[in-house]
Amino acid sequence: MIELKGVEKRFGSNHVLRGVDLSIASGTSMVIIGGSGTGKSVLLKCILGLVHHDAGQITLDGQDVTTGDRDEFLARFGMLFQGGALFDSLRIWENVAFRLMRGALKKPKAEAREIAIEKLRRVGLGPQVADLYPAELSGGMQKRVGLARAIAANPEVIFFDEPTTGLDPIMSGVINDLIREIVVEMGATAMTITHDMTSVRAIADNVAMLHGGKVRWTGPVSELDSTPDPYVQQFIHGRAEGPIESVR
């Protein structure tokens, strides 16, 4: 469904992506791993068109992501941001229904609220939170609100940017289970960026490791532990010694 061929991106003298090749099949969950600063978020932004790649090609269902109607293209995506990215001045249901009440969808307020409450229920939050504000919720609850917003418009593709960052192990497990269930239920194509190896094993069908601006290794999550690739082995086991240089 998503294909990248020779994708490159520079920021001045910083050559972040150096020819990324990657394919994500429809209805599958791809998790991108790699150290901080390796270009994972830049790759995601290039797919969305928030950052324009300098070379190579990115296609969605065979269509170049830089062509066609921009609103129609973005309408196919949902996004769970790393920090939640909720609007502090909006009530919870308004955050979830933000897209539903704008743009091409433009649903009546009452209908949008009803959908928002149903999506909140799907992520384990009752209707009593609908009229609260983000500051009144815990970090884990805010993350679930972000997930409800990501799925509110029933997108074909969902991106998850570090979905368990800042959460305790139990809440991380809850979020991982929700992501997996929702992706399977919706038949959505998912792409996740994470450092959390527990999340990788819980969410992924396939894994790709980004290092040095290229995909170093990609394959089924079942082969992650057995691959002899030294970069992958160093990363997944958190070893200080290996081909990946640590910053001291």
C-alpha atoms as a PDB file:
ATOM      1  CA  MET A   1       0.000   0.000   0.000  1.00  0.00           C
ATOM      2  CA  ILE A   2       2.917   2.305   0.819  1.00  0.00           C
ATOM      3  CA  GLU A   3       6.135   2.041  -1.156  1.00  0.00           C
ATOM      4  CA  LEU A   4       9.336   4.037  -0.870  1.00  0.00           C
ATOM      5  CA  LYS A   5      12.090   3.819  -3.480  1.00  0.00           C
ATOM      6  CA  GLY A   6      15.439   5.528  -3.036  1.00  0.00           C
ATOM      7  CA  VAL A   7      14.020   8.244  -0.769  1.00  0.00           C
ATOM      8  CA  GLU A   8      16.533  10.902   0.239  1.00  0.00           C
ATOM      9  CA  LYS A   9      16.270  13.969   2.443  1.00  0.00           C
ATOM     10  CA  ARG A  10      18.831  16.578   3.457  1.00  0.00           C
ATOM     11  CA  PHE A  11      18.652  19.457   5.884  1.00  0.00           C
ATOM     12  CA  GLY A  12      21.568  21.597   4.801  1.00  0.00           C
ATOM     13  CA  SER A  13      24.699  19.493   5.225  1.00  0.00           C
ATOM     14  CA  ASN A  14      22.833  16.872   7.281  1.00  0.00           C
ATOM     15  CA  HIS A  15      22.008  13.981   4.945  1.00  0.00           C
ATOM     16  CA  VAL A  16      19.271  12.276   6.986  1.00  0.00           C
ATOM     17  CA  LEU A  17      17.759   9.809   4.494  1.00  0.00           C
ATOM     18  CA  ARG A  18      20.216   8.285   2.042  1.00  0.00           C
ATOM     19  CA  GLY A  19      18.114   6.103  -0.213  1.00  0.00           C
ATOM     20  CA  VAL A  20      15.351   4.426   1.788  1.00  0.00           C
ATOM     21  CA  ASP A  21      13.603   1.458   0.170  1.00  0.00           C
ATOM     22  CA  LEU A  22      10.585   0.107   2.015  1.00  0.00           C
ATOM     23  CA  SER A  23       7.257  -1.571   1.223  1.00  0.00           C
ATOM     24  CA  ILE A  24       4.273  -1.785   3.570  1.00  0.00           C
ATOM     25  CA  ALA A  25       1.523  -4.147   2.471  1.00  0.00           C
ATOM     26  CA  SER A  26      -2.132  -3.248   2.878  1.00  0.00           C
ATOM     27  CA  GLY A  27      -3.625  -4.295   6.206  1.00  0.00           C
ATOM     28  CA  THR A  28      -0.266  -5.000   7.852  1.00  0.00           C
ATOM     29  CA  SER A  29       1.521  -3.388  10.784  1.00  0.00           C
ATOM     30  CA  MET A  30       5.061  -2.133  10.118  1.00  0.00           C
ATOM     31  CA  VAL A  31       7.235  -0.942  12.991  1.00  0.00           C
ATOM     32  CA  ILE A  32      10.290   1.227  12.318  1.00  0.00           C
ATOM     33  CA  ILE A  33      13.108   0.949  14.853  1.00  0.00           C
ATOM     34  CA  GLY A  34      16.452   2.702  15.067  1.00  0.00           C
ATOM     35  CA  GLY A  35      18.429   5.037  17.278  1.00  0.00           C
ATOM     36  CA  SER A  36      17.524   8.639  18.026  1.00  0.00           C
ATOM     37  CA  GLY A  37      18.310  10.968  15.140  1.00  0.00           C
ATOM     38  CA  THR A  38      18.326   8.243  12.485  1.00  0.00           C
ATOM     39  CA  GLY A  39      15.465   9.821  10.521  1.00  0.00           C
ATOM     40  CA  LYS A  40      12.442   7.782  11.598  1.00  0.00           C
ATOM     41  CA  SER A  41      10.207  10.796  12.174  1.00  0.00           C
ATOM     42  CA  VAL A  42      11.534  12.490   9.026  1.00  0.00           C
ATOM     43  CA  LEU A  43      10.572   9.385   7.054  1.00  0.00           C
ATOM     44  CA  LEU A  44       7.044   9.509   8.455  1.00  0.00           C
ATOM     45  CA  LYS A  45       6.747  13.225   7.646  1.00  0.00           C
ATOM     46  CA  CYS A  46       7.934  12.590   4.089  1.00  0.00           C
ATOM     47  CA  ILE A  47       5.183  10.011   3.569  1.00  0.00           C
ATOM     48  CA  LEU A  48       2.593  12.488   4.835  1.00  0.00           C
ATOM     49  CA  GLY A  49       4.058  15.272   2.726  1.00  0.00           C
ATOM     50  CA  LEU A  50       4.763  17.452   5.767  1.00  0.00           C
ATOM     51  CA  VAL A  51       8.395  17.376   4.626  1.00  0.00           C
ATOM     52  CA  HIS A  52       9.235  17.133   0.924  1.00  0.00           C
ATOM     53  CA  HIS A  53      11.818  14.496   0.076  1.00  0.00           C
ATOM     54  CA  ASP A  54      14.695  15.541  -2.177  1.00  0.00           C
ATOM     55  CA  ALA A  55      14.963  12.389  -4.283  1.00  0.00           C
ATOM     56  CA  GLY A  56      13.276   9.046  -4.803  1.00  0.00           C
ATOM     57  CA  GLN A  57       9.585   8.205  -4.896  1.00  0.00           C
ATOM     58  CA  ILE A  58       6.859   7.570  -2.324  1.00  0.00           C
ATOM     59  CA  THR A  59       3.576   6.063  -3.471  1.00  0.00           C
ATOM     60  CA  LEU A  60       0.271   5.271  -1.773  1.00  0.00           C
ATOM     61  CA  ASP A  61      -1.702   2.634  -3.674  1.00  0.00           C
ATOM     62  CA  GLY A  62       0.572   3.303  -6.640  1.00  0.00           C
ATOM     63  CA  GLN A  63      -0.045   7.056  -6.688  1.00  0.00           C
ATOM     64  CA  ASP A  64       2.781   9.485  -6.021  1.00  0.00           C
ATOM     65  CA  VAL A  65       2.124  11.215  -2.697  1.00  0.00           C
ATOM     66  CA  THR A  66       3.186  14.586  -4.132  1.00  0.00           C
ATOM     67  CA  THR A  67       0.391  14.590  -6.734  1.00  0.00           C
ATOM     68  CA  GLY A  68      -3.411  14.651  -6.537  1.00  0.00           C
ATOM     69  CA  ASP A  69      -5.806  16.344  -4.149  1.00  0.00           C
ATOM     70  CA  ARG A  70      -4.040  17.074  -0.866  1.00  0.00           C
ATOM     71  CA  ASP A  71      -7.163  16.996   1.328  1.00  0.00           C
ATOM     72  CA  GLU A  72      -8.325  13.684  -0.145  1.00  0.00           C
ATOM     73  CA  PHE A  73      -4.853  12.240   0.424  1.00  0.00           C
ATOM     74  CA  LEU A  74      -4.625  13.318   4.079  1.00  0.00           C
ATOM     75  CA  ALA A  75      -8.172  12.122   4.744  1.00  0.00           C
ATOM     76  CA  ARG A  76      -6.900   8.571   4.323  1.00  0.00           C
ATOM     77  CA  PHE A  77      -4.569   8.914   7.330  1.00  0.00           C
ATOM     78  CA  GLY A  78      -4.916   8.925  11.099  1.00  0.00           C
ATOM     79  CA  MET A  79      -2.102   9.899  13.467  1.00  0.00           C
ATOM     80  CA  LEU A  80      -1.275   9.274  17.106  1.00  0.00           C
ATOM     81  CA  PHE A  81       1.334  11.850  18.095  1.00  0.00           C
ATOM     82  CA  GLN A  82       4.138  11.171  20.542  1.00  0.00           C
ATOM     83  CA  GLY A  83       3.088  13.807  23.069  1.00  0.00           C
ATOM     84  CA  GLY A  84      -0.645  13.349  22.605  1.00  0.00           C
ATOM     85  CA  ALA A  85      -0.922  16.794  20.946  1.00  0.00           C
ATOM     86  CA  LEU A  86      -4.377  17.446  22.352  1.00  0.00           C
ATOM     87  CA  PHE A  87      -5.814  20.950  22.199  1.00  0.00           C
ATOM     88  CA  ASP A  88      -5.849  22.245  25.783  1.00  0.00           C
ATOM     89  CA  SER A  89      -8.734  24.648  25.144  1.00  0.00           C
ATOM     90  CA  LEU A  90     -11.051  22.011  23.655  1.00  0.00           C
ATOM     91  CA  ARG A  91     -13.070  19.457  25.572  1.00  0.00           C
ATOM     92  CA  ILE A  92     -12.184  15.795  25.137  1.00  0.00           C
ATOM     93  CA  TRP A  93     -14.992  15.015  22.701  1.00  0.00           C
ATOM     94  CA  GLU A  94     -14.077  18.097  20.639  1.00  0.00           C
ATOM     95  CA  ASN A  95     -10.491  16.860  20.427  1.00  0.00           C
ATOM     96  CA  VAL A  96     -11.637  13.450  19.210  1.00  0.00           C
ATOM     97  CA  ALA A  97     -14.098  14.976  16.730  1.00  0.00           C
ATOM     98  CA  PHE A  98     -11.737  17.703  15.533  1.00  0.00           C
ATOM     99  CA  ARG A  99     -11.449  16.363  11.975  1.00  0.00           C
ATOM    100  CA  LEU A 100     -15.081  15.264  11.821  1.00  0.00           C
ATOM    101  CA  MET A 101     -16.343  18.830  12.153  1.00  0.00           C
ATOM    102  CA  ARG A 102     -13.972  20.306   9.586  1.00  0.00           C
ATOM    103  CA  GLY A 103     -13.018  19.994   5.943  1.00  0.00           C
ATOM    104  CA  ALA A 104     -14.804  17.608   3.608  1.00  0.00           C
ATOM    105  CA  LEU A 105     -16.416  15.597   6.434  1.00  0.00           C
ATOM    106  CA  LYS A 106     -18.097  18.585   8.151  1.00  0.00           C
ATOM    107  CA  LYS A 107     -20.517  16.586  10.307  1.00  0.00           C
ATOM    108  CA  PRO A 108     -23.178  18.245  12.484  1.00  0.00           C
ATOM    109  CA  LYS A 109     -22.016  18.871  16.040  1.00  0.00           C
ATOM    110  CA  ALA A 110     -24.432  16.356  17.601  1.00  0.00           C
ATOM    111  CA  GLU A 111     -23.375  13.576  15.201  1.00  0.00           C
ATOM    112  CA  ALA A 112     -19.676  14.345  15.681  1.00  0.00           C
ATOM    113  CA  ARG A 113     -20.108  14.186  19.463  1.00  0.00           C
ATOM    114  CA  GLU A 114     -21.884  10.834  19.198  1.00  0.00           C
ATOM    115  CA  ILE A 115     -19.064   9.394  17.077  1.00  0.00           C
ATOM    116  CA  ALA A 116     -16.465  10.808  19.479  1.00  0.00           C
ATOM    117  CA  ILE A 117     -18.124   9.160  22.480  1.00  0.00           C
ATOM    118  CA  GLU A 118     -18.234   5.832  20.628  1.00  0.00           C
ATOM    119  CA  LYS A 119     -14.518   6.080  19.765  1.00  0.00           C
ATOM    120  CA  LEU A 120     -13.732   6.982  23.380  1.00  0.00           C
ATOM    121  CA  ARG A 121     -15.651   3.888  24.463  1.00  0.00           C
ATOM    122  CA  ARG A 122     -13.562   1.827  22.039  1.00  0.00           C
ATOM    123  CA  VAL A 123     -10.361   2.899  23.797  1.00  0.00           C
ATOM    124  CA  GLY A 124     -11.795   2.221  27.239  1.00  0.00           C
ATOM    125  CA  LEU A 125     -12.992   5.700  28.237  1.00  0.00           C
ATOM    126  CA  GLY A 126     -16.579   6.309  29.342  1.00  0.00           C
ATOM    127  CA  PRO A 127     -18.878   9.175  28.285  1.00  0.00           C
ATOM    128  CA  GLN A 128     -18.148  10.940  31.602  1.00  0.00           C
ATOM    129  CA  VAL A 129     -14.790  12.134  30.227  1.00  0.00           C
ATOM    130  CA  ALA A 130     -16.302  13.692  27.090  1.00  0.00           C
ATOM    131  CA  ASP A 131     -16.812  17.145  28.590  1.00  0.00           C
ATOM    132  CA  LEU A 132     -13.557  17.274  30.547  1.00  0.00           C
ATOM    133  CA  TYR A 133     -10.423  19.055  29.355  1.00  0.00           C
ATOM    134  CA  PRO A 134      -7.049  17.371  28.663  1.00  0.00           C
ATOM    135  CA  ALA A 135      -5.471  18.793  31.831  1.00  0.00           C
ATOM    136  CA  GLU A 136      -8.036  16.865  33.874  1.00  0.00           C
ATOM    137  CA  LEU A 137      -6.830  13.496  32.543  1.00  0.00           C
ATOM    138  CA  SER A 138      -3.790  11.374  33.347  1.00  0.00           C
ATOM    139  CA  GLY A 139      -1.055  10.814  30.762  1.00  0.00           C
ATOM    140  CA  GLY A 140      -2.384   7.362  29.926  1.00  0.00           C
ATOM    141  CA  MET A 141      -5.913   8.662  29.473  1.00  0.00           C
ATOM    142  CA  GLN A 142      -4.652  11.471  27.251  1.00  0.00           C
ATOM    143  CA  LYS A 143      -2.846   8.920  25.105  1.00  0.00           C
ATOM    144  CA  ARG A 144      -6.079   6.962  24.732  1.00  0.00           C
ATOM    145  CA  VAL A 145      -7.897  10.145  23.717  1.00  0.00           C
ATOM    146  CA  GLY A 146      -5.205  10.655  21.077  1.00  0.00           C
ATOM    147  CA  LEU A 147      -5.828   7.123  19.846  1.00  0.00           C
ATOM    148  CA  ALA A 148      -9.594   7.752  19.719  1.00  0.00           C
ATOM    149  CA  ARG A 149      -8.946  10.871  17.641  1.00  0.00           C
ATOM    150  CA  ALA A 150      -6.631   8.942  15.300  1.00  0.00           C
ATOM    151  CA  ILE A 151      -9.387   6.434  14.475  1.00  0.00           C
ATOM    152  CA  ALA A 152     -12.354   8.845  14.563  1.00  0.00           C
ATOM    153  CA  ALA A 153     -12.653   9.141  10.770  1.00  0.00           C
ATOM    154  CA  ASN A 154     -11.964   5.414  10.140  1.00  0.00           C
ATOM    155  CA  PRO A 155      -8.693   6.016   8.254  1.00  0.00           C
ATOM    156  CA  GLU A 156      -7.109   3.482   5.926  1.00  0.00           C
ATOM    157  CA  VAL A 157      -3.613   4.187   7.269  1.00  0.00           C
ATOM    158  CA  ILE A 158      -2.669   4.980  10.873  1.00  0.00           C
ATOM    159  CA  PHE A 159       0.709   6.298  12.025  1.00  0.00           C
ATOM    160  CA  PHE A 160       1.833   5.873  15.633  1.00  0.00           C
ATOM    161  CA  ASP A 161       4.761   8.026  16.786  1.00  0.00           C
ATOM    162  CA  GLU A 162       6.296   6.556  19.977  1.00  0.00           C
ATOM    163  CA  PRO A 163       2.860   5.495  21.301  1.00  0.00           C
ATOM    164  CA  THR A 164       4.068   4.395  24.757  1.00  0.00           C
ATOM    165  CA  THR A 165       6.551   7.182  25.556  1.00  0.00           C
ATOM    166  CA  GLY A 166       6.153   8.425  29.134  1.00  0.00           C
ATOM    167  CA  LEU A 167       3.765   5.659  30.179  1.00  0.00           C
ATOM    168  CA  ASP A 168       4.263   3.089  32.921  1.00  0.00           C
ATOM    169  CA  PRO A 169       4.661  -0.579  31.881  1.00  0.00           C
ATOM    170  CA  ILE A 170       1.036  -1.476  32.605  1.00  0.00           C
ATOM    171  CA  MET A 171      -0.417   1.452  30.646  1.00  0.00           C
ATOM    172  CA  SER A 172       2.078   0.778  27.856  1.00  0.00           C
ATOM    173  CA  GLY A 173       0.695  -2.741  27.642  1.00  0.00           C
ATOM    174  CA  VAL A 174      -2.866  -1.397  27.517  1.00  0.00           C
ATOM    175  CA  ILE A 175      -1.981   0.979  24.666  1.00  0.00           C
ATOM    176  CA  ASN A 176      -0.135  -1.757  22.765  1.00  0.00           C
ATOM    177  CA  ASP A 177      -3.115  -4.107  23.055  1.00  0.00           C
ATOM    178  CA  LEU A 178      -5.528  -1.368  21.943  1.00  0.00           C
ATOM    179  CA  ILE A 179      -3.405  -0.510  18.921  1.00  0.00           C
ATOM    180  CA  ARG A 180      -3.184  -4.128  17.854  1.00  0.00           C
ATOM    181  CA  GLU A 181      -6.915  -4.747  18.330  1.00  0.00           C
ATOM    182  CA  ILE A 182      -7.966  -1.590  16.510  1.00  0.00           C
ATOM    183  CA  VAL A 183      -5.639  -2.129  13.554  1.00  0.00           C
ATOM    184  CA  VAL A 184      -6.949  -5.683  13.130  1.00  0.00           C
ATOM    185  CA  GLU A 185     -10.603  -4.633  13.552  1.00  0.00           C
ATOM    186  CA  MET A 186     -10.347  -1.773  11.074  1.00  0.00           C
ATOM    187  CA  GLY A 187      -8.205  -3.656   8.595  1.00  0.00           C
ATOM    188  CA  ALA A 188      -5.982  -0.589   8.597  1.00  0.00           C
ATOM    189  CA  THR A 189      -2.394  -0.349   7.446  1.00  0.00           C
ATOM    190  CA  ALA A 190      -0.213   0.761  10.345  1.00  0.00           C
ATOM    191  CA  MET A 191       3.232   2.299  10.650  1.00  0.00           C
ATOM    192  CA  THR A 192       4.729   2.745  14.101  1.00  0.00           C
ATOM    193  CA  ILE A 193       7.917   4.435  15.259  1.00  0.00           C
ATOM    194  CA  THR A 194       9.172   3.190  18.622  1.00  0.00           C
ATOM    195  CA  HIS A 195      12.218   2.436  20.771  1.00  0.00           C
ATOM    196  CA  ASP A 196      10.174   0.152  23.015  1.00  0.00           C
ATOM    197  CA  MET A 197      10.969  -3.442  22.112  1.00  0.00           C
ATOM    198  CA  THR A 198       7.931  -4.670  24.053  1.00  0.00           C
ATOM    199  CA  SER A 199       5.779  -2.528  21.761  1.00  0.00           C
ATOM    200  CA  VAL A 200       7.583  -3.868  18.702  1.00  0.00           C
ATOM    201  CA  ARG A 201       6.735  -7.448  19.609  1.00  0.00           C
ATOM    202  CA  ALA A 202       3.145  -6.578  20.543  1.00  0.00           C
ATOM    203  CA  ILE A 203       2.272  -4.414  17.527  1.00  0.00           C
ATOM    204  CA  ALA A 204       4.382  -5.510  14.553  1.00  0.00           C
ATOM    205  CA  ASP A 205       3.760  -7.877  11.715  1.00  0.00           C
ATOM    206  CA  ASN A 206       6.980  -6.664  10.109  1.00  0.00           C
ATOM    207  CA  VAL A 207       9.944  -4.638  11.360  1.00  0.00           C
ATOM    208  CA  ALA A 208      12.383  -2.354   9.575  1.00  0.00           C
ATOM    209  CA  MET A 209      15.557  -0.982  11.132  1.00  0.00           C
ATOM    210  CA  LEU A 210      16.725   2.429   9.968  1.00  0.00           C
ATOM    211  CA  HIS A 211      20.405   3.209  10.371  1.00  0.00           C
ATOM    212  CA  GLY A 212      22.772   5.452   8.468  1.00  0.00           C
ATOM    213  CA  GLY A 213      19.916   6.866   6.439  1.00  0.00           C
ATOM    214  CA  LYS A 214      18.931   3.498   4.966  1.00  0.00           C
ATOM    215  CA  VAL A 215      16.840   0.483   5.912  1.00  0.00           C
ATOM    216  CA  ARG A 216      19.487  -1.787   7.394  1.00  0.00           C
ATOM    217  CA  TRP A 217      17.185  -4.799   7.832  1.00  0.00           C
ATOM    218  CA  THR A 218      13.527  -5.612   7.306  1.00  0.00           C
ATOM    219  CA  GLY A 219      11.540  -8.757   7.887  1.00  0.00           C
ATOM    220  CA  PRO A 220       8.768 -10.448   9.900  1.00  0.00           C
ATOM    221  CA  VAL A 221       8.807  -9.738  13.633  1.00  0.00           C
ATOM    222  CA  SER A 222       9.191 -13.498  14.158  1.00  0.00           C
ATOM    223  CA  GLU A 223      12.673 -13.279  12.614  1.00  0.00           C
ATOM    224  CA  LEU A 224      13.801 -10.245  14.608  1.00  0.00           C
ATOM    225  CA  ASP A 225      15.573 -12.149  17.361  1.00  0.00           C
ATOM    226  CA  SER A 226      17.197 -14.678  15.049  1.00  0.00           C
ATOM    227  CA  THR A 227      18.618 -12.334  12.408  1.00  0.00           C
ATOM    228  CA  PRO A 228      22.431 -12.307  12.475  1.00  0.00           C
ATOM    229  CA  ASP A 229      22.553  -8.633  11.508  1.00  0.00           C
ATOM    230  CA  PRO A 230      24.885  -7.053  14.100  1.00  0.00           C
ATOM    231  CA  TYR A 231      23.120  -3.663  13.989  1.00  0.00           C
ATOM    232  CA  VAL A 232      19.755  -5.216  14.785  1.00  0.00           C
ATOM    233  CA  GLN A 233      21.184  -7.424  17.528  1.00  0.00           C
ATOM    234  CA  GLN A 234      22.963  -4.527  19.203  1.00  0.00           C
ATOM    235  CA  PHE A 235      19.839  -2.372  19.098  1.00  0.00           C
ATOM    236  CA  ILE A 236      17.262  -4.880  20.317  1.00  0.00           C
ATOM    237  CA  HIS A 237      19.492  -5.995  23.202  1.00  0.00           C
ATOM    238  CA  GLY A 238      20.629  -2.468  24.107  1.00  0.00           C
ATOM    239  CA  ARG A 239      24.316  -3.287  23.973  1.00  0.00           C
ATOM    240  CA  ALA A 240      26.866  -0.485  24.309  1.00  0.00           C
ATOM    241  CA  GLU A 241      29.386  -2.391  22.182  1.00  0.00           C
ATOM    242  CA  GLY A 242      28.765  -2.990  18.502  1.00  0.00           C
ATOM    243  CA  PRO A 243      28.708  -1.335  15.090  1.00  0.00           C
ATOM    244  CA  ILE A 244      26.297   1.414  16.261  1.00  0.00           C
ATOM    245  CA  GLU A 245      28.441   4.096  17.853  1.00  0.00           C
ATOM    246  CA  SER A 246      27.093   5.630  21.037  1.00  0.00           C
ATOM    247  CA  VAL A 247      27.448   9.329  21.688  1.00  0.00           C
ATOM    248  CA  ARG A 248      29.695  10.003  24.669  1.00  0.00           C
END
